[in-house]
């Protein structure tokens, strides 16, 4: 099997797992453990299939940004994936009802800071500085990401999670938008936030902004560089999930999840069947 055939086979395996909700074997037997280009090619095939089915790209997610999550996943570097319109269940935080678990296999939930971009980040990668990405941010928002793995028992390597769309599933973004701190503006400073995530009133995860690659804005800078290298720059209007501020946790149907991120109103959702 050549590389192109291996990429197709890996994408088909993951797509079948999602369609049947039966977790599959890792795909590293097909694409190897070190070939990131192949892993992202699998991700692109899966994303393009969903776009062909009617979804649209609304942003990006950064995964494995905190040491706690890297330890949970057994990886040692961040990755990224796409946010698609059919992943957005933010209306659940506004009283629209429980989030359906009908499409999920082995979900976990994590809390993070999201950014809405007010301008493109489309410059040569050597020009992508922390100051430049800060200036590109329109607002910061509280967010929950429901991560999932199509691979059985979350027994993944780095190429597995990259291929599996960075272990993405659904996301919830709050409406409490805050500008970043700037001269004369008392706004949000992402590195300073404190996070607490509870399920049914019990705190299950906690962390802070510094846990996300040292600063969620540094995670955004990292993503902007990767997007530039892949020839698909970040665009104005995109939503960016910057990465977990603490460990992700499992949940069950009927659970009530609340994320408290300092400086923002709490974000509350419930999961249905």
C-alpha atoms as a PDB file:
ATOM      1  CA  UNK A   1       0.000   0.000   0.000  1.00  0.00           C
ATOM      2  CA  UNK A   2       1.473   3.349  -1.019  1.00  0.00           C
ATOM      3  CA  UNK A   3       1.132   6.553   1.006  1.00  0.00           C
ATOM      4  CA  UNK A   4      -1.919   7.839  -0.864  1.00  0.00           C
ATOM      5  CA  UNK A   5      -3.683   4.519  -0.419  1.00  0.00           C
ATOM      6  CA  UNK A   6      -2.798   4.499   3.292  1.00  0.00           C
ATOM      7  CA  UNK A   7      -4.286   7.979   3.753  1.00  0.00           C
ATOM      8  CA  UNK A   8      -7.532   6.901   2.076  1.00  0.00           C
ATOM      9  CA  UNK A   9      -7.707   3.711   4.143  1.00  0.00           C
ATOM     10  CA  UNK A  10      -7.137   5.622   7.386  1.00  0.00           C
ATOM     11  CA  UNK A  11      -9.839   8.164   6.530  1.00  0.00           C
ATOM     12  CA  UNK A  12     -12.277   5.370   5.673  1.00  0.00           C
ATOM     13  CA  UNK A  13     -11.572   3.603   8.974  1.00  0.00           C
ATOM     14  CA  UNK A  14     -12.232   6.742  11.003  1.00  0.00           C
ATOM     15  CA  UNK A  15     -15.318   7.676   8.980  1.00  0.00           C
ATOM     16  CA  UNK A  16     -16.754   4.188   9.485  1.00  0.00           C
ATOM     17  CA  UNK A  17     -16.195   4.448  13.240  1.00  0.00           C
ATOM     18  CA  UNK A  18     -18.032   7.769  13.339  1.00  0.00           C
ATOM     19  CA  UNK A  19     -20.900   6.508  11.189  1.00  0.00           C
ATOM     20  CA  UNK A  20     -21.434   3.356  13.249  1.00  0.00           C
ATOM     21  CA  UNK A  21     -20.402   4.824  16.631  1.00  0.00           C
ATOM     22  CA  UNK A  22     -18.166   1.789  17.062  1.00  0.00           C
ATOM     23  CA  UNK A  23     -14.594   2.824  17.942  1.00  0.00           C
ATOM     24  CA  UNK A  24     -11.899   1.520  15.641  1.00  0.00           C
ATOM     25  CA  UNK A  25      -8.274   0.476  15.857  1.00  0.00           C
ATOM     26  CA  UNK A  26      -5.612   3.216  15.704  1.00  0.00           C
ATOM     27  CA  UNK A  27      -4.604   4.350  12.220  1.00  0.00           C
ATOM     28  CA  UNK A  28      -0.894   4.554  12.928  1.00  0.00           C
ATOM     29  CA  UNK A  29      -0.541   1.055  11.468  1.00  0.00           C
ATOM     30  CA  UNK A  30      -1.469   2.655   8.148  1.00  0.00           C
ATOM     31  CA  UNK A  31       0.226   6.074   8.277  1.00  0.00           C
ATOM     32  CA  UNK A  32       3.021   5.491  10.775  1.00  0.00           C
ATOM     33  CA  UNK A  33       3.847   7.249  14.032  1.00  0.00           C
ATOM     34  CA  UNK A  34       5.904  10.171  12.696  1.00  0.00           C
ATOM     35  CA  UNK A  35       4.426  11.193   9.350  1.00  0.00           C
ATOM     36  CA  UNK A  36       2.511  14.352  10.288  1.00  0.00           C
ATOM     37  CA  UNK A  37       1.930  15.231   6.639  1.00  0.00           C
ATOM     38  CA  UNK A  38       0.066  11.957   6.179  1.00  0.00           C
ATOM     39  CA  UNK A  39      -1.903  12.476   9.399  1.00  0.00           C
ATOM     40  CA  UNK A  40      -3.039  15.943   8.352  1.00  0.00           C
ATOM     41  CA  UNK A  41      -3.864  14.572   4.877  1.00  0.00           C
ATOM     42  CA  UNK A  42      -6.251  12.099   6.550  1.00  0.00           C
ATOM     43  CA  UNK A  43      -7.773  14.970   8.531  1.00  0.00           C
ATOM     44  CA  UNK A  44      -8.230  16.975   5.343  1.00  0.00           C
ATOM     45  CA  UNK A  45     -10.053  14.080   3.654  1.00  0.00           C
ATOM     46  CA  UNK A  46     -12.478  13.816   6.566  1.00  0.00           C
ATOM     47  CA  UNK A  47     -13.054  17.582   6.672  1.00  0.00           C
ATOM     48  CA  UNK A  48     -13.605  17.810   2.915  1.00  0.00           C
ATOM     49  CA  UNK A  49     -16.197  15.029   3.086  1.00  0.00           C
ATOM     50  CA  UNK A  50     -18.141  16.970   5.697  1.00  0.00           C
ATOM     51  CA  UNK A  51     -17.887  20.179   3.683  1.00  0.00           C
ATOM     52  CA  UNK A  52     -19.253  18.311   0.671  1.00  0.00           C
ATOM     53  CA  UNK A  53     -22.171  17.231   2.862  1.00  0.00           C
ATOM     54  CA  UNK A  54     -23.015  20.867   3.646  1.00  0.00           C
ATOM     55  CA  UNK A  55     -20.934  21.909   6.650  1.00  0.00           C
ATOM     56  CA  UNK A  56     -18.857  25.102   6.554  1.00  0.00           C
ATOM     57  CA  UNK A  57     -15.593  26.045   8.238  1.00  0.00           C
ATOM     58  CA  UNK A  58     -16.180  28.445  11.139  1.00  0.00           C
ATOM     59  CA  UNK A  59     -12.752  28.340  12.771  1.00  0.00           C
ATOM     60  CA  UNK A  60     -10.016  26.162  14.218  1.00  0.00           C
ATOM     61  CA  UNK A  61      -9.214  24.315  17.421  1.00  0.00           C
ATOM     62  CA  UNK A  62      -5.862  23.788  19.062  1.00  0.00           C
ATOM     63  CA  UNK A  63      -5.436  20.504  20.873  1.00  0.00           C
ATOM     64  CA  UNK A  64      -3.073  19.140  23.518  1.00  0.00           C
ATOM     65  CA  UNK A  65      -1.928  22.582  24.664  1.00  0.00           C
ATOM     66  CA  UNK A  66      -1.755  21.795  28.373  1.00  0.00           C
ATOM     67  CA  UNK A  67       0.679  19.407  30.023  1.00  0.00           C
ATOM     68  CA  UNK A  68      -2.243  17.759  31.827  1.00  0.00           C
ATOM     69  CA  UNK A  69      -3.999  16.912  28.559  1.00  0.00           C
ATOM     70  CA  UNK A  70      -0.746  15.825  26.900  1.00  0.00           C
ATOM     71  CA  UNK A  71      -0.264  13.371  29.755  1.00  0.00           C
ATOM     72  CA  UNK A  72      -3.855  12.154  29.396  1.00  0.00           C
ATOM     73  CA  UNK A  73      -3.362  11.559  25.680  1.00  0.00           C
ATOM     74  CA  UNK A  74       0.222  10.330  25.805  1.00  0.00           C
ATOM     75  CA  UNK A  75       1.474  13.016  23.387  1.00  0.00           C
ATOM     76  CA  UNK A  76       4.133  15.687  23.717  1.00  0.00           C
ATOM     77  CA  UNK A  77       3.096  18.479  21.348  1.00  0.00           C
ATOM     78  CA  UNK A  78      -0.012  20.413  20.295  1.00  0.00           C
ATOM     79  CA  UNK A  79      -2.020  19.821  17.162  1.00  0.00           C
ATOM     80  CA  UNK A  80      -4.889  21.551  15.383  1.00  0.00           C
ATOM     81  CA  UNK A  81      -8.151  20.800  13.657  1.00  0.00           C
ATOM     82  CA  UNK A  82     -11.067  22.593  12.028  1.00  0.00           C
ATOM     83  CA  UNK A  83     -14.270  23.848  13.619  1.00  0.00           C
ATOM     84  CA  UNK A  84     -17.239  23.161  11.375  1.00  0.00           C
ATOM     85  CA  UNK A  85     -20.730  24.610  11.531  1.00  0.00           C
ATOM     86  CA  UNK A  86     -22.247  21.217  12.395  1.00  0.00           C
ATOM     87  CA  UNK A  87     -20.098  21.051  15.561  1.00  0.00           C
ATOM     88  CA  UNK A  88     -21.591  24.195  17.092  1.00  0.00           C
ATOM     89  CA  UNK A  89     -24.064  23.442  19.902  1.00  0.00           C
ATOM     90  CA  UNK A  90     -23.741  26.821  21.607  1.00  0.00           C
ATOM     91  CA  UNK A  91     -27.504  27.305  21.707  1.00  0.00           C
ATOM     92  CA  UNK A  92     -27.579  24.732  24.528  1.00  0.00           C
ATOM     93  CA  UNK A  93     -26.029  27.335  26.826  1.00  0.00           C
ATOM     94  CA  UNK A  94     -28.896  29.710  26.032  1.00  0.00           C
ATOM     95  CA  UNK A  95     -31.657  27.386  27.156  1.00  0.00           C
ATOM     96  CA  UNK A  96     -32.303  25.555  23.904  1.00  0.00           C
ATOM     97  CA  UNK A  97     -32.277  22.191  25.660  1.00  0.00           C
ATOM     98  CA  UNK A  98     -29.819  19.388  26.352  1.00  0.00           C
ATOM     99  CA  UNK A  99     -26.980  18.572  23.967  1.00  0.00           C
ATOM    100  CA  UNK A 100     -27.658  15.317  22.151  1.00  0.00           C
ATOM    101  CA  UNK A 101     -25.043  12.616  22.617  1.00  0.00           C
ATOM    102  CA  UNK A 102     -26.305  10.790  19.552  1.00  0.00           C
ATOM    103  CA  UNK A 103     -23.170  11.415  17.499  1.00  0.00           C
ATOM    104  CA  UNK A 104     -20.654  10.806  20.296  1.00  0.00           C
ATOM    105  CA  UNK A 105     -18.590   7.688  21.014  1.00  0.00           C
ATOM    106  CA  UNK A 106     -16.326   8.248  24.039  1.00  0.00           C
ATOM    107  CA  UNK A 107     -16.705  11.951  24.849  1.00  0.00           C
ATOM    108  CA  UNK A 108     -14.827  14.126  27.288  1.00  0.00           C
ATOM    109  CA  UNK A 109     -15.345  17.810  28.111  1.00  0.00           C
ATOM    110  CA  UNK A 110     -12.828  20.588  28.699  1.00  0.00           C
ATOM    111  CA  UNK A 111     -12.995  24.329  29.338  1.00  0.00           C
ATOM    112  CA  UNK A 112     -10.968  26.937  27.492  1.00  0.00           C
ATOM    113  CA  UNK A 113     -10.727  30.491  26.240  1.00  0.00           C
ATOM    114  CA  UNK A 114     -11.956  31.114  22.704  1.00  0.00           C
ATOM    115  CA  UNK A 115     -11.016  33.998  20.431  1.00  0.00           C
ATOM    116  CA  UNK A 116     -13.045  35.632  17.685  1.00  0.00           C
ATOM    117  CA  UNK A 117     -10.713  37.160  15.089  1.00  0.00           C
ATOM    118  CA  UNK A 118     -11.365  40.662  13.872  1.00  0.00           C
ATOM    119  CA  UNK A 119      -8.841  40.513  11.052  1.00  0.00           C
ATOM    120  CA  UNK A 120      -6.965  38.010   8.904  1.00  0.00           C
ATOM    121  CA  UNK A 121      -3.600  36.659  10.047  1.00  0.00           C
ATOM    122  CA  UNK A 122      -2.152  36.272   6.582  1.00  0.00           C
ATOM    123  CA  UNK A 123       1.489  37.328   6.689  1.00  0.00           C
ATOM    124  CA  UNK A 124       4.778  35.419   6.357  1.00  0.00           C
ATOM    125  CA  UNK A 125       5.278  33.187   9.371  1.00  0.00           C
ATOM    126  CA  UNK A 126       8.334  35.101  10.564  1.00  0.00           C
ATOM    127  CA  UNK A 127       6.072  38.131  11.026  1.00  0.00           C
ATOM    128  CA  UNK A 128       3.546  36.274  13.210  1.00  0.00           C
ATOM    129  CA  UNK A 129       4.342  37.638  16.645  1.00  0.00           C
ATOM    130  CA  UNK A 130       2.436  37.621  19.913  1.00  0.00           C
ATOM    131  CA  UNK A 131       1.702  41.313  19.370  1.00  0.00           C
ATOM    132  CA  UNK A 132       0.331  40.684  15.888  1.00  0.00           C
ATOM    133  CA  UNK A 133      -2.076  37.932  16.962  1.00  0.00           C
ATOM    134  CA  UNK A 134      -3.225  39.976  19.969  1.00  0.00           C
ATOM    135  CA  UNK A 135      -4.093  42.815  17.606  1.00  0.00           C
ATOM    136  CA  UNK A 136      -6.022  40.380  15.386  1.00  0.00           C
ATOM    137  CA  UNK A 137      -8.335  39.296  18.210  1.00  0.00           C
ATOM    138  CA  UNK A 138     -11.717  40.982  18.293  1.00  0.00           C
ATOM    139  CA  UNK A 139     -12.988  39.421  21.529  1.00  0.00           C
ATOM    140  CA  UNK A 140     -12.318  36.556  23.923  1.00  0.00           C
ATOM    141  CA  UNK A 141     -15.139  34.251  25.052  1.00  0.00           C
ATOM    142  CA  UNK A 142     -15.609  31.321  27.436  1.00  0.00           C
ATOM    143  CA  UNK A 143     -15.901  27.935  25.752  1.00  0.00           C
ATOM    144  CA  UNK A 144     -16.460  24.249  26.314  1.00  0.00           C
ATOM    145  CA  UNK A 145     -15.104  21.708  23.885  1.00  0.00           C
ATOM    146  CA  UNK A 146     -16.544  18.220  23.742  1.00  0.00           C
ATOM    147  CA  UNK A 147     -13.654  16.122  22.517  1.00  0.00           C
ATOM    148  CA  UNK A 148     -14.114  12.577  21.298  1.00  0.00           C
ATOM    149  CA  UNK A 149     -12.053   9.777  19.815  1.00  0.00           C
ATOM    150  CA  UNK A 150     -13.061   7.430  17.084  1.00  0.00           C
ATOM    151  CA  UNK A 151     -10.201   5.195  18.273  1.00  0.00           C
ATOM    152  CA  UNK A 152     -11.026   2.538  20.854  1.00  0.00           C
ATOM    153  CA  UNK A 153     -10.310   3.367  24.503  1.00  0.00           C
ATOM    154  CA  UNK A 154      -8.511   6.598  23.532  1.00  0.00           C
ATOM    155  CA  UNK A 155      -5.381   4.510  22.893  1.00  0.00           C
ATOM    156  CA  UNK A 156      -3.901   7.032  20.529  1.00  0.00           C
ATOM    157  CA  UNK A 157      -0.537   8.208  19.336  1.00  0.00           C
ATOM    158  CA  UNK A 158       0.104  11.660  17.961  1.00  0.00           C
ATOM    159  CA  UNK A 159      -0.620  10.794  14.326  1.00  0.00           C
ATOM    160  CA  UNK A 160      -3.834   9.068  15.418  1.00  0.00           C
ATOM    161  CA  UNK A 161      -5.248  12.179  17.086  1.00  0.00           C
ATOM    162  CA  UNK A 162      -4.133  14.462  14.247  1.00  0.00           C
ATOM    163  CA  UNK A 163      -5.772  12.202  11.662  1.00  0.00           C
ATOM    164  CA  UNK A 164      -8.898  11.985  13.822  1.00  0.00           C
ATOM    165  CA  UNK A 165      -9.545  15.711  13.364  1.00  0.00           C
ATOM    166  CA  UNK A 166      -7.606  16.520  16.566  1.00  0.00           C
ATOM    167  CA  UNK A 167     -10.086  14.382  18.539  1.00  0.00           C
ATOM    168  CA  UNK A 168     -12.809  16.955  17.991  1.00  0.00           C
ATOM    169  CA  UNK A 169     -16.571  16.596  18.250  1.00  0.00           C
ATOM    170  CA  UNK A 170     -18.696  19.560  19.429  1.00  0.00           C
ATOM    171  CA  UNK A 171     -18.209  22.983  20.978  1.00  0.00           C
ATOM    172  CA  UNK A 172     -20.107  25.521  23.055  1.00  0.00           C
ATOM    173  CA  UNK A 173     -19.182  29.199  23.090  1.00  0.00           C
ATOM    174  CA  UNK A 174     -20.703  31.650  25.529  1.00  0.00           C
ATOM    175  CA  UNK A 175     -22.067  35.060  24.663  1.00  0.00           C
ATOM    176  CA  UNK A 176     -20.064  36.969  27.299  1.00  0.00           C
ATOM    177  CA  UNK A 177     -17.562  38.481  24.884  1.00  0.00           C
ATOM    178  CA  UNK A 178     -14.707  40.543  26.328  1.00  0.00           C
ATOM    179  CA  UNK A 179     -12.045  42.614  24.575  1.00  0.00           C
ATOM    180  CA  UNK A 180      -8.435  41.913  25.431  1.00  0.00           C
ATOM    181  CA  UNK A 181      -6.752  44.185  27.929  1.00  0.00           C
ATOM    182  CA  UNK A 182      -5.222  47.211  26.222  1.00  0.00           C
ATOM    183  CA  UNK A 183      -4.224  50.743  27.207  1.00  0.00           C
ATOM    184  CA  UNK A 184      -7.397  52.378  28.458  1.00  0.00           C
ATOM    185  CA  UNK A 185      -9.371  49.118  28.200  1.00  0.00           C
ATOM    186  CA  UNK A 186     -10.070  46.925  31.197  1.00  0.00           C
ATOM    187  CA  UNK A 187     -10.609  43.671  29.370  1.00  0.00           C
ATOM    188  CA  UNK A 188      -9.563  40.023  29.512  1.00  0.00           C
ATOM    189  CA  UNK A 189      -5.938  38.971  29.914  1.00  0.00           C
ATOM    190  CA  UNK A 190      -6.076  35.288  28.894  1.00  0.00           C
ATOM    191  CA  UNK A 191      -2.877  34.224  30.652  1.00  0.00           C
ATOM    192  CA  UNK A 192      -4.313  35.337  34.002  1.00  0.00           C
ATOM    193  CA  UNK A 193      -7.662  33.528  33.932  1.00  0.00           C
ATOM    194  CA  UNK A 194      -8.547  30.813  36.440  1.00  0.00           C
ATOM    195  CA  UNK A 195     -10.791  27.920  35.395  1.00  0.00           C
ATOM    196  CA  UNK A 196     -13.008  25.512  37.298  1.00  0.00           C
ATOM    197  CA  UNK A 197     -15.079  22.804  35.590  1.00  0.00           C
ATOM    198  CA  UNK A 198     -17.811  21.018  37.523  1.00  0.00           C
ATOM    199  CA  UNK A 199     -20.155  18.155  36.693  1.00  0.00           C
ATOM    200  CA  UNK A 200     -23.400  17.971  38.672  1.00  0.00           C
ATOM    201  CA  UNK A 201     -21.977  20.496  41.126  1.00  0.00           C
ATOM    202  CA  UNK A 202     -18.724  18.623  41.763  1.00  0.00           C
ATOM    203  CA  UNK A 203     -15.472  20.260  40.636  1.00  0.00           C
ATOM    204  CA  UNK A 204     -13.737  17.814  38.323  1.00  0.00           C
ATOM    205  CA  UNK A 205     -11.073  19.929  36.647  1.00  0.00           C
ATOM    206  CA  UNK A 206      -9.263  23.182  37.308  1.00  0.00           C
ATOM    207  CA  UNK A 207      -6.437  25.166  35.793  1.00  0.00           C
ATOM    208  CA  UNK A 208      -5.383  28.557  34.502  1.00  0.00           C
ATOM    209  CA  UNK A 209      -4.376  30.469  31.416  1.00  0.00           C
ATOM    210  CA  UNK A 210      -0.684  29.764  31.886  1.00  0.00           C
ATOM    211  CA  UNK A 211      -1.410  26.028  31.485  1.00  0.00           C
ATOM    212  CA  UNK A 212      -2.242  26.614  27.800  1.00  0.00           C
ATOM    213  CA  UNK A 213       1.215  26.745  26.161  1.00  0.00           C
ATOM    214  CA  UNK A 214       2.138  29.383  28.744  1.00  0.00           C
ATOM    215  CA  UNK A 215      -0.552  31.772  27.432  1.00  0.00           C
ATOM    216  CA  UNK A 216      -3.651  31.155  25.262  1.00  0.00           C
ATOM    217  CA  UNK A 217      -2.398  33.939  22.990  1.00  0.00           C
ATOM    218  CA  UNK A 218       0.844  31.986  22.501  1.00  0.00           C
ATOM    219  CA  UNK A 219      -1.321  29.027  21.466  1.00  0.00           C
ATOM    220  CA  UNK A 220      -3.026  31.319  18.937  1.00  0.00           C
ATOM    221  CA  UNK A 221       0.376  32.437  17.637  1.00  0.00           C
ATOM    222  CA  UNK A 222       1.445  28.800  17.263  1.00  0.00           C
ATOM    223  CA  UNK A 223      -1.740  28.019  15.336  1.00  0.00           C
ATOM    224  CA  UNK A 224      -1.317  31.031  13.048  1.00  0.00           C
ATOM    225  CA  UNK A 225       2.180  29.821  12.145  1.00  0.00           C
ATOM    226  CA  UNK A 226       0.932  26.299  11.393  1.00  0.00           C
ATOM    227  CA  UNK A 227      -1.977  27.647   9.347  1.00  0.00           C
ATOM    228  CA  UNK A 228       0.443  29.751   7.320  1.00  0.00           C
ATOM    229  CA  UNK A 229       2.675  26.739   6.682  1.00  0.00           C
ATOM    230  CA  UNK A 230      -0.313  24.715   5.511  1.00  0.00           C
ATOM    231  CA  UNK A 231      -1.352  27.509   3.126  1.00  0.00           C
ATOM    232  CA  UNK A 232      -4.684  28.082   4.877  1.00  0.00           C
ATOM    233  CA  UNK A 233      -4.315  31.258   6.989  1.00  0.00           C
ATOM    234  CA  UNK A 234      -6.637  32.257   9.808  1.00  0.00           C
ATOM    235  CA  UNK A 235      -9.367  34.628   8.682  1.00  0.00           C
ATOM    236  CA  UNK A 236     -11.423  37.435  10.188  1.00  0.00           C
ATOM    237  CA  UNK A 237     -14.559  36.055  11.775  1.00  0.00           C
ATOM    238  CA  UNK A 238     -12.976  32.717  12.605  1.00  0.00           C
ATOM    239  CA  UNK A 239     -13.542  31.283  16.051  1.00  0.00           C
ATOM    240  CA  UNK A 240     -10.427  29.818  17.661  1.00  0.00           C
ATOM    241  CA  UNK A 241     -10.581  27.382  20.571  1.00  0.00           C
ATOM    242  CA  UNK A 242      -7.196  27.972  22.141  1.00  0.00           C
ATOM    243  CA  UNK A 243      -6.912  24.761  24.163  1.00  0.00           C
ATOM    244  CA  UNK A 244      -7.810  23.252  27.506  1.00  0.00           C
ATOM    245  CA  UNK A 245      -6.887  25.059  30.713  1.00  0.00           C
ATOM    246  CA  UNK A 246      -6.969  21.827  32.711  1.00  0.00           C
ATOM    247  CA  UNK A 247      -7.597  18.084  32.318  1.00  0.00           C
ATOM    248  CA  UNK A 248     -10.580  16.924  30.293  1.00  0.00           C
ATOM    249  CA  UNK A 249     -13.174  14.763  32.059  1.00  0.00           C
ATOM    250  CA  UNK A 250     -15.732  12.139  30.990  1.00  0.00           C
ATOM    251  CA  UNK A 251     -19.454  12.691  31.384  1.00  0.00           C
ATOM    252  CA  UNK A 252     -22.708  10.771  30.992  1.00  0.00           C
ATOM    253  CA  UNK A 253     -26.184  11.461  29.607  1.00  0.00           C
ATOM    254  CA  UNK A 254     -28.096  13.688  32.002  1.00  0.00           C
ATOM    255  CA  UNK A 255     -24.988  15.354  33.417  1.00  0.00           C
ATOM    256  CA  UNK A 256     -24.952  19.106  34.031  1.00  0.00           C
ATOM    257  CA  UNK A 257     -21.642  20.780  33.198  1.00  0.00           C
ATOM    258  CA  UNK A 258     -20.576  24.233  34.325  1.00  0.00           C
ATOM    259  CA  UNK A 259     -17.373  26.050  33.392  1.00  0.00           C
ATOM    260  CA  UNK A 260     -16.293  29.067  35.407  1.00  0.00           C
ATOM    261  CA  UNK A 261     -13.517  31.092  33.796  1.00  0.00           C
ATOM    262  CA  UNK A 262     -12.599  34.231  35.706  1.00  0.00           C
ATOM    263  CA  UNK A 263     -13.729  37.433  34.029  1.00  0.00           C
ATOM    264  CA  UNK A 264     -16.610  35.689  32.224  1.00  0.00           C
ATOM    265  CA  UNK A 265     -20.116  34.641  33.145  1.00  0.00           C
ATOM    266  CA  UNK A 266     -20.344  30.893  33.921  1.00  0.00           C
ATOM    267  CA  UNK A 267     -21.082  28.633  30.982  1.00  0.00           C
ATOM    268  CA  UNK A 268     -23.681  25.922  31.729  1.00  0.00           C
ATOM    269  CA  UNK A 269     -24.955  23.054  29.587  1.00  0.00           C
ATOM    270  CA  UNK A 270     -26.729  19.730  30.082  1.00  0.00           C
ATOM    271  CA  UNK A 271     -26.310  16.549  28.070  1.00  0.00           C
ATOM    272  CA  UNK A 272     -29.221  14.462  26.889  1.00  0.00           C
ATOM    273  CA  UNK A 273     -29.338  10.964  25.429  1.00  0.00           C
END
